[in-house]
PDB file of all heavy atoms in Angstrom:
ATOM      1  N   PHE A   1       0.876  -1.189   0.014  1.00  0.00           N
ATOM      2  CA  PHE A   1      -0.064   0.007   0.030  1.00  0.00           C
ATOM      3  C   PHE A   1       0.954   1.190  -0.001  1.00  0.00           C
ATOM      4  O   PHE A   1       1.848   1.279   0.785  1.00  0.00           O
ATOM      5  CB  PHE A   1      -0.862   0.023   1.275  1.00  0.00           C
ATOM      6  CG  PHE A   1      -1.648   1.306   1.444  1.00  0.00           C
ATOM      7  CD1 PHE A   1      -2.815   1.569   0.692  1.00  0.00           C
ATOM      8  CD2 PHE A   1      -1.231   2.319   2.212  1.00  0.00           C
ATOM      9  CE1 PHE A   1      -3.464   2.803   0.760  1.00  0.00           C
ATOM     10  CE2 PHE A   1      -1.838   3.467   2.367  1.00  0.00           C
ATOM     11  CZ  PHE A   1      -3.062   3.770   1.580  1.00  0.00           C
ATOM     12  N   GLY A   2       0.623   2.088  -0.939  1.00  0.00           N
ATOM     13  CA  GLY A   2       1.519   3.277  -1.061  1.00  0.00           C
ATOM     14  C   GLY A   2       0.549   4.573  -1.189  1.00  0.00           C
ATOM     15  O   GLY A   2      -0.488   4.586  -1.784  1.00  0.00           O
ATOM     16  N   TYR A   3       1.105   5.655  -0.708  1.00  0.00           N
ATOM     17  CA  TYR A   3       0.433   6.891  -0.737  1.00  0.00           C
ATOM     18  C   TYR A   3       1.415   7.974  -0.978  1.00  0.00           C
ATOM     19  O   TYR A   3       2.422   8.137  -0.261  1.00  0.00           O
ATOM     20  CB  TYR A   3      -0.471   7.258   0.489  1.00  0.00           C
ATOM     21  CG  TYR A   3      -0.945   8.676   0.526  1.00  0.00           C
ATOM     22  CD1 TYR A   3      -2.173   9.056  -0.159  1.00  0.00           C
ATOM     23  CD2 TYR A   3      -0.243   9.708   1.184  1.00  0.00           C
ATOM     24  CE1 TYR A   3      -2.627  10.275  -0.077  1.00  0.00           C
ATOM     25  CE2 TYR A   3      -0.828  11.002   1.203  1.00  0.00           C
ATOM     26  CZ  TYR A   3      -1.882  11.351   0.585  1.00  0.00           C
ATOM     27  OH  TYR A   3      -2.334  12.575   0.449  1.00  0.00           O
ATOM     28  N   SER A   4       1.254   8.854  -2.030  1.00  0.00           N
ATOM     29  CA  SER A   4       2.165  10.013  -2.144  1.00  0.00           C
ATOM     30  C   SER A   4       1.340  11.168  -2.761  1.00  0.00           C
ATOM     31  O   SER A   4       0.302  11.055  -3.285  1.00  0.00           O
ATOM     32  CB  SER A   4       3.294   9.539  -3.156  1.00  0.00           C
ATOM     33  OG  SER A   4       2.696   9.090  -4.438  1.00  0.00           O
ATOM     34  N   ARG A   5       2.042  12.351  -2.555  1.00  0.00           N
ATOM     35  CA  ARG A   5       1.534  13.592  -2.954  1.00  0.00           C
ATOM     36  C   ARG A   5       2.475  14.049  -4.198  1.00  0.00           C
ATOM     37  O   ARG A   5       3.600  14.388  -4.007  1.00  0.00           O
ATOM     38  CB  ARG A   5       1.553  14.679  -1.819  1.00  0.00           C
ATOM     39  CG  ARG A   5       0.970  16.023  -2.165  1.00  0.00           C
ATOM     40  CD  ARG A   5      -0.538  15.999  -2.346  1.00  0.00           C
ATOM     41  NE  ARG A   5      -0.984  17.352  -2.507  1.00  0.00           N
ATOM     42  CZ  ARG A   5      -2.308  17.632  -2.746  1.00  0.00           C
ATOM     43  NH1 ARG A   5      -3.195  16.628  -2.761  1.00  0.00           N
ATOM     44  NH2 ARG A   5      -2.736  18.816  -2.935  1.00  0.00           N
ATOM     45  N   VAL A   6       1.864  13.993  -5.366  1.00  0.00           N
ATOM     46  CA  VAL A   6       2.713  14.195  -6.526  1.00  0.00           C
ATOM     47  C   VAL A   6       2.083  15.359  -7.433  1.00  0.00           C
ATOM     48  O   VAL A   6       0.959  15.221  -7.862  1.00  0.00           O
ATOM     49  CB  VAL A   6       2.909  12.936  -7.369  1.00  0.00           C
ATOM     50  CG1 VAL A   6       3.738  13.159  -8.623  1.00  0.00           C
ATOM     51  CG2 VAL A   6       3.473  11.820  -6.574  1.00  0.00           C
ATOM     52  N   ASN A   7       2.922  16.379  -7.575  1.00  0.00           N
ATOM     53  CA  ASN A   7       2.495  17.572  -8.397  1.00  0.00           C
ATOM     54  C   ASN A   7       1.065  18.068  -8.041  1.00  0.00           C
ATOM     55  O   ASN A   7       0.206  18.281  -8.847  1.00  0.00           O
ATOM     56  CB  ASN A   7       2.436  17.220  -9.892  1.00  0.00           C
ATOM     57  CG  ASN A   7       3.898  17.150 -10.395  1.00  0.00           C
ATOM     58  OD1 ASN A   7       4.798  17.146  -9.599  1.00  0.00           O
ATOM     59  ND2 ASN A   7       4.064  16.956 -11.753  1.00  0.00           N
ATOM     60  N   GLY A   8       0.775  18.063  -6.797  1.00  0.00           N
ATOM     61  CA  GLY A   8      -0.543  18.615  -6.287  1.00  0.00           C
ATOM     62  C   GLY A   8      -1.664  17.543  -6.202  1.00  0.00           C
ATOM     63  O   GLY A   8      -2.728  18.011  -5.978  1.00  0.00           O
ATOM     64  N   ALA A   9      -1.321  16.373  -6.617  1.00  0.00           N
ATOM     65  CA  ALA A   9      -2.394  15.341  -6.590  1.00  0.00           C
ATOM     66  C   ALA A   9      -2.009  14.197  -5.636  1.00  0.00           C
ATOM     67  O   ALA A   9      -0.780  13.899  -5.472  1.00  0.00           O
ATOM     68  CB  ALA A   9      -2.669  14.749  -8.044  1.00  0.00           C
ATOM     69  N   ASN A  10      -3.083  13.506  -5.167  1.00  0.00           N
ATOM     70  CA  ASN A  10      -2.832  12.353  -4.248  1.00  0.00           C
ATOM     71  C   ASN A  10      -2.854  11.055  -5.119  1.00  0.00           C
ATOM     72  O   ASN A  10      -3.794  10.894  -5.896  1.00  0.00           O
ATOM     73  CB  ASN A  10      -3.897  12.199  -3.248  1.00  0.00           C
ATOM     74  CG  ASN A  10      -3.939  13.401  -2.367  1.00  0.00           C
ATOM     75  OD1 ASN A  10      -2.812  14.056  -2.081  1.00  0.00           O
ATOM     76  ND2 ASN A  10      -5.161  13.750  -1.871  1.00  0.00           N
ATOM     77  N   ILE A  11      -1.815  10.224  -5.007  1.00  0.00           N
ATOM     78  CA  ILE A  11      -1.736   8.907  -5.645  1.00  0.00           C
ATOM     79  C   ILE A  11      -1.710   7.815  -4.652  1.00  0.00           C
ATOM     80  O   ILE A  11      -0.813   7.756  -3.798  1.00  0.00           O
ATOM     81  CB  ILE A  11      -0.449   8.875  -6.602  1.00  0.00           C
ATOM     82  CG1 ILE A  11      -0.549  10.054  -7.666  1.00  0.00           C
ATOM     83  CG2 ILE A  11      -0.254   7.562  -7.225  1.00  0.00           C
ATOM     84  CD1 ILE A  11       0.777  10.075  -8.547  1.00  0.00           C
ATOM     85  N   THR A  12      -2.585   6.907  -4.727  1.00  0.00           N
ATOM     86  CA  THR A  12      -2.699   5.836  -3.848  1.00  0.00           C
ATOM     87  C   THR A  12      -2.574   4.519  -4.688  1.00  0.00           C
ATOM     88  O   THR A  12      -3.294   4.505  -5.718  1.00  0.00           O
ATOM     89  CB  THR A  12      -4.031   5.821  -3.155  1.00  0.00           C
ATOM     90  OG1 THR A  12      -4.187   7.028  -2.356  1.00  0.00           O
ATOM     91  CG2 THR A  12      -4.192   4.647  -2.185  1.00  0.00           C
ATOM     92  N   THR A  13      -1.767   3.644  -4.273  1.00  0.00           N
ATOM     93  CA  THR A  13      -1.468   2.362  -4.953  1.00  0.00           C
ATOM     94  C   THR A  13      -1.788   1.225  -3.895  1.00  0.00           C
ATOM     95  O   THR A  13      -1.442   1.264  -2.722  1.00  0.00           O
ATOM     96  CB  THR A  13      -0.070   2.236  -5.426  1.00  0.00           C
ATOM     97  OG1 THR A  13       0.825   2.426  -4.333  1.00  0.00           O
ATOM     98  CG2 THR A  13       0.149   3.280  -6.556  1.00  0.00           C
ATOM     99  N   ILE A  14      -2.454   0.173  -4.469  1.00  0.00           N
ATOM    100  CA  ILE A  14      -2.805  -1.100  -3.612  1.00  0.00           C
ATOM    101  C   ILE A  14      -2.405  -2.144  -4.608  1.00  0.00           C
ATOM    102  O   ILE A  14      -2.990  -2.411  -5.591  1.00  0.00           O
ATOM    103  CB  ILE A  14      -4.288  -1.200  -3.281  1.00  0.00           C
ATOM    104  CG1 ILE A  14      -4.709   0.093  -2.340  1.00  0.00           C
ATOM    105  CG2 ILE A  14      -4.512  -2.444  -2.519  1.00  0.00           C
ATOM    106  CD1 ILE A  14      -6.136  -0.072  -2.078  1.00  0.00           C
ATOM    107  N   MET A  15      -1.216  -2.839  -4.153  1.00  0.00           N
ATOM    108  CA  MET A  15      -0.641  -3.797  -5.137  1.00  0.00           C
ATOM    109  C   MET A  15      -0.433  -5.147  -4.435  1.00  0.00           C
ATOM    110  O   MET A  15      -0.294  -5.180  -3.194  1.00  0.00           O
ATOM    111  CB  MET A  15       0.736  -3.345  -5.612  1.00  0.00           C
ATOM    112  CG  MET A  15       0.659  -1.874  -6.326  1.00  0.00           C
ATOM    113  SD  MET A  15       0.182  -2.256  -8.034  1.00  0.00           S
ATOM    114  CE  MET A  15       0.458  -0.479  -8.790  1.00  0.00           C
ATOM    115  N   GLY A  16      -0.212  -6.179  -5.195  1.00  0.00           N
ATOM    116  CA  GLY A  16       0.164  -7.473  -4.568  1.00  0.00           C
ATOM    117  C   GLY A  16       0.828  -8.305  -5.731  1.00  0.00           C
ATOM    118  O   GLY A  16       0.773  -8.028  -6.915  1.00  0.00           O
ATOM    119  N   GLY A  17       1.676  -9.129  -5.248  1.00  0.00           N
ATOM    120  CA  GLY A  17       2.517 -10.040  -6.281  1.00  0.00           C
ATOM    121  C   GLY A  17       3.613 -10.837  -5.666  1.00  0.00           C
ATOM    122  O   GLY A  17       3.796 -10.824  -4.502  1.00  0.00           O
ATOM    123  N   PRO A  18       4.451 -11.532  -6.554  1.00  0.00           N
ATOM    124  CA  PRO A  18       5.470 -12.377  -5.958  1.00  0.00           C
ATOM    125  C   PRO A  18       6.765 -11.623  -5.766  1.00  0.00           C
ATOM    126  O   PRO A  18       7.048 -10.614  -6.313  1.00  0.00           O
ATOM    127  CB  PRO A  18       5.610 -13.366  -7.157  1.00  0.00           C
ATOM    128  CG  PRO A  18       5.198 -12.637  -8.346  1.00  0.00           C
ATOM    129  CD  PRO A  18       4.137 -11.724  -7.919  1.00  0.00           C
ATOM    130  N   ARG A  19       7.569 -12.124  -4.814  1.00  0.00           N
ATOM    131  CA  ARG A  19       8.977 -11.554  -4.547  1.00  0.00           C
ATOM    132  C   ARG A  19       9.915 -12.761  -4.490  1.00  0.00           C
ATOM    133  O   ARG A  19       9.601 -13.747  -3.905  1.00  0.00           O
ATOM    134  CB  ARG A  19       8.948 -10.705  -3.287  1.00  0.00           C
ATOM    135  CG  ARG A  19      10.415 -10.372  -2.863  1.00  0.00           C
ATOM    136  CD  ARG A  19      10.372  -9.567  -1.563  1.00  0.00           C
ATOM    137  NE  ARG A  19       9.944  -8.193  -1.746  1.00  0.00           N
ATOM    138  CZ  ARG A  19      10.154  -7.349  -0.692  1.00  0.00           C
ATOM    139  NH1 ARG A  19      10.716  -7.684   0.448  1.00  0.00           N
ATOM    140  NH2 ARG A  19       9.637  -6.077  -0.856  1.00  0.00           N
ATOM    141  N   VAL A  20      11.109 -12.614  -4.998  1.00  0.00           N
ATOM    142  CA  VAL A  20      12.162 -13.576  -4.864  1.00  0.00           C
ATOM    143  C   VAL A  20      13.371 -12.950  -4.183  1.00  0.00           C
ATOM    144  O   VAL A  20      13.768 -11.889  -4.624  1.00  0.00           O
ATOM    145  CB  VAL A  20      12.554 -14.088  -6.167  1.00  0.00           C
ATOM    146  CG1 VAL A  20      13.786 -15.184  -6.034  1.00  0.00           C
ATOM    147  CG2 VAL A  20      11.364 -14.832  -6.794  1.00  0.00           C
ATOM    148  N   THR A  21      13.762 -13.443  -3.010  1.00  0.00           N
ATOM    149  CA  THR A  21      14.809 -12.857  -2.262  1.00  0.00           C
ATOM    150  C   THR A  21      15.987 -13.823  -2.139  1.00  0.00           C
ATOM    151  O   THR A  21      15.847 -15.075  -1.926  1.00  0.00           O
ATOM    152  CB  THR A  21      14.372 -12.546  -0.764  1.00  0.00           C
ATOM    153  OG1 THR A  21      13.182 -11.786  -0.847  1.00  0.00           O
ATOM    154  CG2 THR A  21      15.476 -11.941  -0.032  1.00  0.00           C
ATOM    155  N   ARG A  22      17.286 -13.320  -2.347  1.00  0.00           N
ATOM    156  CA  ARG A  22      18.419 -14.103  -2.412  1.00  0.00           C
ATOM    157  C   ARG A  22      19.509 -13.560  -1.571  1.00  0.00           C
ATOM    158  O   ARG A  22      19.940 -12.484  -1.758  1.00  0.00           O
ATOM    159  CB  ARG A  22      19.017 -14.323  -3.808  1.00  0.00           C
ATOM    160  CG  ARG A  22      20.301 -15.128  -3.947  1.00  0.00           C
ATOM    161  CD  ARG A  22      20.148 -16.593  -3.483  1.00  0.00           C
ATOM    162  NE  ARG A  22      21.371 -17.243  -3.570  1.00  0.00           N
ATOM    163  CZ  ARG A  22      21.479 -18.531  -3.209  1.00  0.00           C
ATOM    164  NH1 ARG A  22      20.342 -19.119  -2.693  1.00  0.00           N
ATOM    165  NH2 ARG A  22      22.662 -19.196  -3.242  1.00  0.00           N
ATOM    166  N   PRO A  23      19.942 -14.172  -0.422  1.00  0.00           N
ATOM    167  CA  PRO A  23      20.939 -13.598   0.459  1.00  0.00           C
ATOM    168  C   PRO A  23      22.345 -13.629  -0.347  1.00  0.00           C
ATOM    169  O   PRO A  23      22.609 -14.435  -1.053  1.00  0.00           O
ATOM    170  CB  PRO A  23      21.087 -14.695   1.611  1.00  0.00           C
ATOM    171  CG  PRO A  23      19.660 -15.304   1.575  1.00  0.00           C
ATOM    172  CD  PRO A  23      19.402 -15.431   0.181  1.00  0.00           C
ATOM    173  N   VAL A  24      23.074 -12.441  -0.120  1.00  0.00           N
ATOM    174  CA  VAL A  24      24.357 -12.344  -0.632  1.00  0.00           C
ATOM    175  C   VAL A  24      25.455 -12.288   0.348  1.00  0.00           C
ATOM    176  O   VAL A  24      26.642 -12.455   0.013  1.00  0.00           O
ATOM    177  CB  VAL A  24      24.399 -11.125  -1.550  1.00  0.00           C
ATOM    178  CG1 VAL A  24      23.590 -11.263  -2.743  1.00  0.00           C
ATOM    179  CG2 VAL A  24      24.090  -9.812  -0.750  1.00  0.00           C
ATOM    180  N   SER A  25      25.156 -12.255   1.594  1.00  0.00           N
ATOM    181  CA  SER A  25      26.015 -12.298   2.761  1.00  0.00           C
ATOM    182  C   SER A  25      25.222 -12.620   3.958  1.00  0.00           C
ATOM    183  O   SER A  25      23.980 -12.566   3.934  1.00  0.00           O
ATOM    184  CB  SER A  25      26.732 -10.967   2.844  1.00  0.00           C
ATOM    185  OG  SER A  25      25.900  -9.995   3.491  1.00  0.00           O
ATOM    186  N   PRO A  26      25.849 -12.794   5.106  1.00  0.00           N
ATOM    187  CA  PRO A  26      24.995 -13.122   6.438  1.00  0.00           C
ATOM    188  C   PRO A  26      24.209 -11.942   6.799  1.00  0.00           C
ATOM    189  O   PRO A  26      23.229 -12.088   7.540  1.00  0.00           O
ATOM    190  CB  PRO A  26      26.133 -13.304   7.438  1.00  0.00           C
ATOM    191  CG  PRO A  26      27.340 -13.919   6.580  1.00  0.00           C
ATOM    192  CD  PRO A  26      27.335 -13.093   5.254  1.00  0.00           C
ATOM    193  N   LYS A  27      24.479 -10.695   6.259  1.00  0.00           N
ATOM    194  CA  LYS A  27      23.699  -9.590   6.672  1.00  0.00           C
ATOM    195  C   LYS A  27      22.882  -8.831   5.709  1.00  0.00           C
ATOM    196  O   LYS A  27      22.281  -7.885   5.861  1.00  0.00           O
ATOM    197  CB  LYS A  27      24.642  -8.503   7.376  1.00  0.00           C
ATOM    198  CG  LYS A  27      25.241  -9.081   8.594  1.00  0.00           C
ATOM    199  CD  LYS A  27      26.136  -7.941   9.311  1.00  0.00           C
ATOM    200  CE  LYS A  27      26.479  -8.288  10.746  1.00  0.00           C
ATOM    201  NZ  LYS A  27      25.417  -8.310  11.702  1.00  0.00           N
ATOM    202  N   ALA A  28      23.001  -9.348   4.365  1.00  0.00           N
ATOM    203  CA  ALA A  28      22.392  -8.687   3.226  1.00  0.00           C
ATOM    204  C   ALA A  28      21.708  -9.590   2.299  1.00  0.00           C
ATOM    205  O   ALA A  28      22.278 -10.669   2.103  1.00  0.00           O
ATOM    206  CB  ALA A  28      23.414  -7.685   2.662  1.00  0.00           C
ATOM    207  N   SER A  29      20.628  -9.170   1.691  1.00  0.00           N
ATOM    208  CA  SER A  29      19.922  -9.952   0.735  1.00  0.00           C
ATOM    209  C   SER A  29      19.470  -8.966  -0.342  1.00  0.00           C
ATOM    210  O   SER A  29      19.249  -7.757  -0.183  1.00  0.00           O
ATOM    211  CB  SER A  29      18.627 -10.551   1.233  1.00  0.00           C
ATOM    212  OG  SER A  29      19.003 -11.611   2.266  1.00  0.00           O
ATOM    213  N   VAL A  30      19.322  -9.472  -1.604  1.00  0.00           N
ATOM    214  CA  VAL A  30      18.744  -8.786  -2.654  1.00  0.00           C
ATOM    215  C   VAL A  30      17.572  -9.393  -3.120  1.00  0.00           C
ATOM    216  O   VAL A  30      17.261 -10.631  -2.913  1.00  0.00           O
ATOM    217  CB  VAL A  30      19.709  -8.687  -3.870  1.00  0.00           C
ATOM    218  CG1 VAL A  30      20.973  -7.844  -3.528  1.00  0.00           C
ATOM    219  CG2 VAL A  30      20.201 -10.110  -4.349  1.00  0.00           C
ATOM    220  N   PHE A  31      16.598  -8.652  -3.671  1.00  0.00           N
ATOM    221  CA  PHE A  31      15.282  -9.107  -4.079  1.00  0.00           C
ATOM    222  C   PHE A  31      14.808  -8.492  -5.280  1.00  0.00           C
ATOM    223  O   PHE A  31      15.110  -7.407  -5.704  1.00  0.00           O
ATOM    224  CB  PHE A  31      14.251  -8.941  -2.913  1.00  0.00           C
ATOM    225  CG  PHE A  31      13.896  -7.594  -2.614  1.00  0.00           C
ATOM    226  CD1 PHE A  31      12.831  -6.982  -3.300  1.00  0.00           C
ATOM    227  CD2 PHE A  31      14.539  -6.870  -1.652  1.00  0.00           C
ATOM    228  CE1 PHE A  31      12.523  -5.719  -2.968  1.00  0.00           C
ATOM    229  CE2 PHE A  31      14.113  -5.520  -1.390  1.00  0.00           C
ATOM    230  CZ  PHE A  31      13.142  -5.007  -2.098  1.00  0.00           C
ATOM    231  N   GLY A  32      13.906  -9.233  -6.078  1.00  0.00           N
ATOM    232  CA  GLY A  32      13.195  -8.761  -7.287  1.00  0.00           C
ATOM    233  C   GLY A  32      11.718  -9.039  -7.003  1.00  0.00           C
ATOM    234  O   GLY A  32      11.275 -10.102  -6.373  1.00  0.00           O
TER     235      GLY A  32
END
């Protein structure tokens, strides 16, 4: 869920979908 104020207008997004996460170190992961 996102909300932003862009160029004087309110933009609201409600999204859903898949994510794939891959650790690259004991403390960090990258995802798409």
